[in-house]
C-alpha atoms as a PDB file:
ATOM      1  CA  MET A   1     112.346 100.360 108.999  1.00  0.00           C
ATOM      2  CA  SER A   2     114.166 100.166 112.271  1.00  0.00           C
ATOM      3  CA  GLY A   3     117.440 101.984 112.845  1.00  0.00           C
ATOM      4  CA  SER A   4     119.405  98.733 112.680  1.00  0.00           C
ATOM      5  CA  ASP A   5     117.791  97.832 109.326  1.00  0.00           C
ATOM      6  CA  VAL A   6     118.623 101.258 107.923  1.00  0.00           C
ATOM      7  CA  ARG A   7     122.229 101.247 109.141  1.00  0.00           C
ATOM      8  CA  GLY A   8     123.304  98.670 106.554  1.00  0.00           C
ATOM      9  CA  LEU A   9     121.689 100.670 103.753  1.00  0.00           C
ATOM     10  CA  LEU A  10     122.905 104.153 104.628  1.00  0.00           C
ATOM     11  CA  HIS A  11     125.679 104.044 102.020  1.00  0.00           C
ATOM     12  CA  PRO A  12     123.389 103.560  99.011  1.00  0.00           C
ATOM     13  CA  PHE A  13     120.617 105.749 100.468  1.00  0.00           C
ATOM     14  CA  LEU A  14     122.975 108.684 101.056  1.00  0.00           C
ATOM     15  CA  LEU A  15     124.731 108.247  97.719  1.00  0.00           C
ATOM     16  CA  LEU A  16     121.351 108.256  95.962  1.00  0.00           C
ATOM     17  CA  LEU A  17     120.096 111.342  97.803  1.00  0.00           C
ATOM     18  CA  ILE A  18     123.311 113.243  97.136  1.00  0.00           C
ATOM     19  CA  CYS A  19     123.215 112.169  93.475  1.00  0.00           C
ATOM     20  CA  GLU A  20     119.708 113.639  93.258  1.00  0.00           C
ATOM     21  CA  ARG A  21     120.776 116.847  94.982  1.00  0.00           C
ATOM     22  CA  PRO A  22     123.891 117.704  97.030  1.00  0.00           C
ATOM     23  CA  GLY A  23     123.127 118.652 100.611  1.00  0.00           C
ATOM     24  CA  HIS A  24     124.324 119.076 104.176  1.00  0.00           C
ATOM     25  CA  GLY A  25     123.920 116.567 107.011  1.00  0.00           C
ATOM     26  CA  TYR A  26     120.666 117.803 108.532  1.00  0.00           C
ATOM     27  CA  ASP A  27     119.086 118.160 105.082  1.00  0.00           C
ATOM     28  CA  LEU A  28     120.110 114.596 104.242  1.00  0.00           C
ATOM     29  CA  ILE A  29     118.646 113.284 107.518  1.00  0.00           C
ATOM     30  CA  GLU A  30     115.312 114.960 106.676  1.00  0.00           C
ATOM     31  CA  ARG A  31     115.418 113.510 103.151  1.00  0.00           C
ATOM     32  CA  LEU A  32     116.207 110.044 104.536  1.00  0.00           C
ATOM     33  CA  ALA A  33     113.043 110.304 106.643  1.00  0.00           C
ATOM     34  CA  ARG A  34     110.983 111.184 103.556  1.00  0.00           C
ATOM     35  CA  LEU A  35     112.565 108.190 101.791  1.00  0.00           C
ATOM     36  CA  GLY A  36     111.221 105.967 104.586  1.00  0.00           C
ATOM     37  CA  ALA A  37     114.338 105.731 106.746  1.00  0.00           C
ATOM     38  CA  SER A  38     113.028 107.922 109.568  1.00  0.00           C
ATOM     39  CA  ASP A  39     114.796 105.830 112.241  1.00  0.00           C
ATOM     40  CA  ALA A  40     118.265 106.650 110.902  1.00  0.00           C
ATOM     41  CA  GLU A  41     120.392 107.826 113.813  1.00  0.00           C
ATOM     42  CA  PRO A  42     121.980 111.235 113.105  1.00  0.00           C
ATOM     43  CA  GLY A  43     125.329 110.148 114.536  1.00  0.00           C
ATOM     44  CA  GLN A  44     125.388 107.148 112.230  1.00  0.00           C
ATOM     45  CA  VAL A  45     124.458 109.337 109.247  1.00  0.00           C
ATOM     46  CA  TYR A  46     127.368 111.713 109.939  1.00  0.00           C
ATOM     47  CA  ARG A  47     129.796 108.798 110.467  1.00  0.00           C
ATOM     48  CA  THR A  48     128.661 107.300 107.155  1.00  0.00           C
ATOM     49  CA  LEU A  49     129.087 110.631 105.364  1.00  0.00           C
ATOM     50  CA  ARG A  50     132.652 110.924 106.695  1.00  0.00           C
ATOM     51  CA  SER A  51     133.362 107.318 105.698  1.00  0.00           C
ATOM     52  CA  LEU A  52     132.063 107.929 102.167  1.00  0.00           C
ATOM     53  CA  GLU A  53     134.205 111.048 101.945  1.00  0.00           C
ATOM     54  CA  ARG A  54     137.345 109.214 103.160  1.00  0.00           C
ATOM     55  CA  ALA A  55     136.676 106.530 100.517  1.00  0.00           C
ATOM     56  CA  GLY A  56     136.583 109.221  97.809  1.00  0.00           C
ATOM     57  CA  HIS A  57     132.880 108.772  97.054  1.00  0.00           C
ATOM     58  CA  LEU A  58     131.916 112.228  98.331  1.00  0.00           C
ATOM     59  CA  ALA A  59     133.524 115.645  98.381  1.00  0.00           C
ATOM     60  CA  SER A  60     132.516 118.301 100.871  1.00  0.00           C
ATOM     61  CA  ALA A  61     133.015 122.003 101.398  1.00  0.00           C
ATOM     62  CA  TRP A  62     131.866 124.479 104.011  1.00  0.00           C
ATOM     63  CA  VAL A  63     129.113 126.708 102.648  1.00  0.00           C
ATOM     64  CA  ALA A  64     127.935 129.881 104.347  1.00  0.00           C
ATOM     65  CA  SER A  65     124.312 129.887 105.448  1.00  0.00           C
ATOM     66  CA  GLU A  66     121.980 132.878 105.590  1.00  0.00           C
ATOM     67  CA  ALA A  67     120.137 131.412 108.574  1.00  0.00           C
ATOM     68  CA  GLY A  68     123.009 130.329 110.820  1.00  0.00           C
ATOM     69  CA  PRO A  69     126.519 128.914 110.804  1.00  0.00           C
ATOM     70  CA  ALA A  70     128.268 127.510 107.771  1.00  0.00           C
ATOM     71  CA  ARG A  71     127.365 123.935 106.881  1.00  0.00           C
ATOM     72  CA  ARG A  72     129.342 121.136 105.298  1.00  0.00           C
ATOM     73  CA  ARG A  73     127.763 120.415 101.902  1.00  0.00           C
ATOM     74  CA  TYR A  74     128.307 116.978 100.350  1.00  0.00           C
ATOM     75  CA  GLU A  75     128.554 116.260  96.618  1.00  0.00           C
ATOM     76  CA  LEU A  76     128.987 113.008  94.722  1.00  0.00           C
ATOM     77  CA  THR A  77     132.346 112.335  93.055  1.00  0.00           C
ATOM     78  CA  THR A  78     132.960 110.244  89.944  1.00  0.00           C
ATOM     79  CA  GLY A  79     133.999 107.397  92.252  1.00  0.00           C
ATOM     80  CA  GLY A  80     130.804 107.944  94.224  1.00  0.00           C
ATOM     81  CA  MET A  81     128.711 107.560  91.082  1.00  0.00           C
ATOM     82  CA  ALA A  82     130.469 104.271  90.305  1.00  0.00           C
ATOM     83  CA  GLU A  83     129.851 103.111  93.882  1.00  0.00           C
ATOM     84  CA  LEU A  84     126.172 104.099  93.634  1.00  0.00           C
ATOM     85  CA  GLN A  85     125.824 102.132  90.388  1.00  0.00           C
ATOM     86  CA  ALA A  86     127.440  99.074  92.026  1.00  0.00           C
ATOM     87  CA  TRP A  87     125.052  99.360  94.989  1.00  0.00           C
ATOM     88  CA  MET A  88     122.048  99.596  92.683  1.00  0.00           C
ATOM     89  CA  ARG A  89     123.113  96.394  90.883  1.00  0.00           C
ATOM     90  CA  ARG A  90     123.440  94.582  94.236  1.00  0.00           C
ATOM     91  CA  LEU A  91     120.106  95.936  95.467  1.00  0.00           C
ATOM     92  CA  ALA A  92     118.406  94.770  92.252  1.00  0.00           C
ATOM     93  CA  GLU A  93     119.722  91.260  92.964  1.00  0.00           C
ATOM     94  CA  VAL A  94     118.447  91.487  96.549  1.00  0.00           C
ATOM     95  CA  ARG A  95     115.059  92.692  95.250  1.00  0.00           C
ATOM     96  CA  GLN A  96     114.835  89.595  93.023  1.00  0.00           C
ATOM     97  CA  LEU A  97     115.631  87.367  95.982  1.00  0.00           C
ATOM     98  CA  LEU A  98     113.071  89.128  98.192  1.00  0.00           C
ATOM     99  CA  GLU A  99     110.395  88.853  95.512  1.00  0.00           C
ATOM    100  CA  THR A 100     111.079  85.123  95.246  1.00  0.00           C
ATOM    101  CA  CYS A 101     110.868  84.759  99.016  1.00  0.00           C
ATOM    102  CA  LEU A 102     107.628  86.743  99.278  1.00  0.00           C
ATOM    103  CA  THR A 103     106.041  84.867  96.374  1.00  0.00           C
ATOM    104  CA  ARG A 104     106.850  81.541  98.017  1.00  0.00           C
ATOM    105  CA  TRP A 105     105.534  82.775 101.369  1.00  0.00           C
ATOM    106  CA  THR A 106     102.305  83.952  99.761  1.00  0.00           C
ATOM    107  CA  ARG A 107     101.856  80.556  98.105  1.00  0.00           C
ATOM    108  CA  ILE A 108     102.376  78.465 101.242  1.00  0.00           C
ATOM    109  CA  SER A 109     100.521  80.831 103.568  1.00  0.00           C
ATOM    110  CA  GLN A 110      97.370  80.573 101.443  1.00  0.00           C
ATOM    111  CA  GLU A 111      97.295  76.783 101.410  1.00  0.00           C
ATOM    112  CA  PRO A 112      94.789  75.027 103.694  1.00  0.00           C
ATOM    113  CA  GLY A 113      96.627  74.411 106.951  1.00  0.00           C
ATOM    114  CA  GLY A 114      99.456  76.656 105.749  1.00  0.00           C
ATOM    115  CA  HIS A 115     101.560  79.002 107.782  1.00  0.00           C
ATOM    116  CA  GLY A 116      99.331  82.032 107.350  1.00  0.00           C
ATOM    117  CA  PRO A 117      98.920  84.935 109.730  1.00  0.00           C
ATOM    118  CA  PRO A 118      98.274  84.255 113.436  1.00  0.00           C
ATOM    119  CA  ALA A 119      94.818  82.974 114.290  1.00  0.00           C
ATOM    120  CA  VAL A 120      92.099  85.469 115.120  1.00  0.00           C
ATOM    121  CA  PRO A 121      91.256  85.486 118.856  1.00  0.00           C
ATOM    122  CA  GLY A 122      88.351  83.129 119.467  1.00  0.00           C
ATOM    123  CA  GLU A 123      89.138  80.959 116.436  1.00  0.00           C
ATOM    124  CA  GLU A 124      90.737  77.539 116.609  1.00  0.00           C
ATOM    125  CA  PRO A 125      94.446  77.870 115.634  1.00  0.00           C
ATOM    126  CA  GLN A 126      95.664  75.719 112.769  1.00  0.00           C
ATOM    127  CA  PRO A 127      98.256  73.101 113.760  1.00  0.00           C
ATOM    128  CA  PRO A 128     101.662  73.616 112.163  1.00  0.00           C
ATOM    129  CA  ARG A 129     102.360  71.418 109.163  1.00  0.00           C
ATOM    130  CA  GLU A 130     105.464  70.095 107.496  1.00  0.00           C
ATOM    131  CA  PRO A 131     107.320  72.713 105.434  1.00  0.00           C
ATOM    132  CA  PHE A 132     106.399  72.949 101.785  1.00  0.00           C
ATOM    133  CA  PRO A 133     108.646  70.474  99.928  1.00  0.00           C
ATOM    134  CA  ALA A 134     110.364  73.222  97.917  1.00  0.00           C
ATOM    135  CA  VAL A 135     111.636  74.862 101.111  1.00  0.00           C
ATOM    136  CA  ARG A 136     113.026  71.769 102.862  1.00  0.00           C
ATOM    137  CA  GLU A 137     116.725  71.900 103.530  1.00  0.00           C
ATOM    138  CA  GLY A 138     118.748  70.588 100.627  1.00  0.00           C
ATOM    139  CA  SER A 139     115.985  70.948  98.038  1.00  0.00           C
ATOM    140  CA  THR A 140     116.923  74.269  96.493  1.00  0.00           C
ATOM    141  CA  THR A 141     117.029  74.775  92.761  1.00  0.00           C
ATOM    142  CA  ALA A 142     120.146  75.703  90.796  1.00  0.00           C
ATOM    143  CA  TRP A 143     118.706  79.196  90.239  1.00  0.00           C
ATOM    144  CA  GLU A 144     118.232  79.655  94.013  1.00  0.00           C
ATOM    145  CA  GLU A 145     121.774  78.488  94.740  1.00  0.00           C
ATOM    146  CA  GLU A 146     123.112  80.906  92.117  1.00  0.00           C
ATOM    147  CA  SER A 147     121.056  83.775  93.573  1.00  0.00           C
ATOM    148  CA  TRP A 148     122.369  83.110  97.085  1.00  0.00           C
ATOM    149  CA  ALA A 149     125.926  82.904  95.766  1.00  0.00           C
ATOM    150  CA  LYS A 150     125.555  86.353  94.157  1.00  0.00           C
ATOM    151  CA  ILE A 151     124.226  87.863  97.394  1.00  0.00           C
ATOM    152  CA  ARG A 152     127.087  86.398  99.458  1.00  0.00           C
ATOM    153  CA  ARG A 153     129.732  88.029  97.206  1.00  0.00           C
END
């Protein structure tokens, strides 16, 4: 994921990592990378940690280190756990929407003359076709409208 993609998800990512195990900034940046968010900018991570602490979702304390200066260690608060749970509910809704989108893309991209991957060099490219009827503007289902409404909240 690019840094800009990760920026909007730093709150739930950091809350989750700290819920799993409290840690200091550099530790959390390393754990974000192992989570798949290796492009997270350190400055943005520290700003997000401070923001979460100001909101009452994290508590921090300076902890002495055997291998250098003291480090600020972050722990989840009760409010932080509630915020993490709220994020997980929203992300589950987003996952459902993404699965619907990917399923529809898979269906139309596999159709003859569909919008599949770019043509292989040397092959004749397929001409674009009209969008699949289910994805034309104004033809969404009630379930889709409800899903979008939930995401916009």
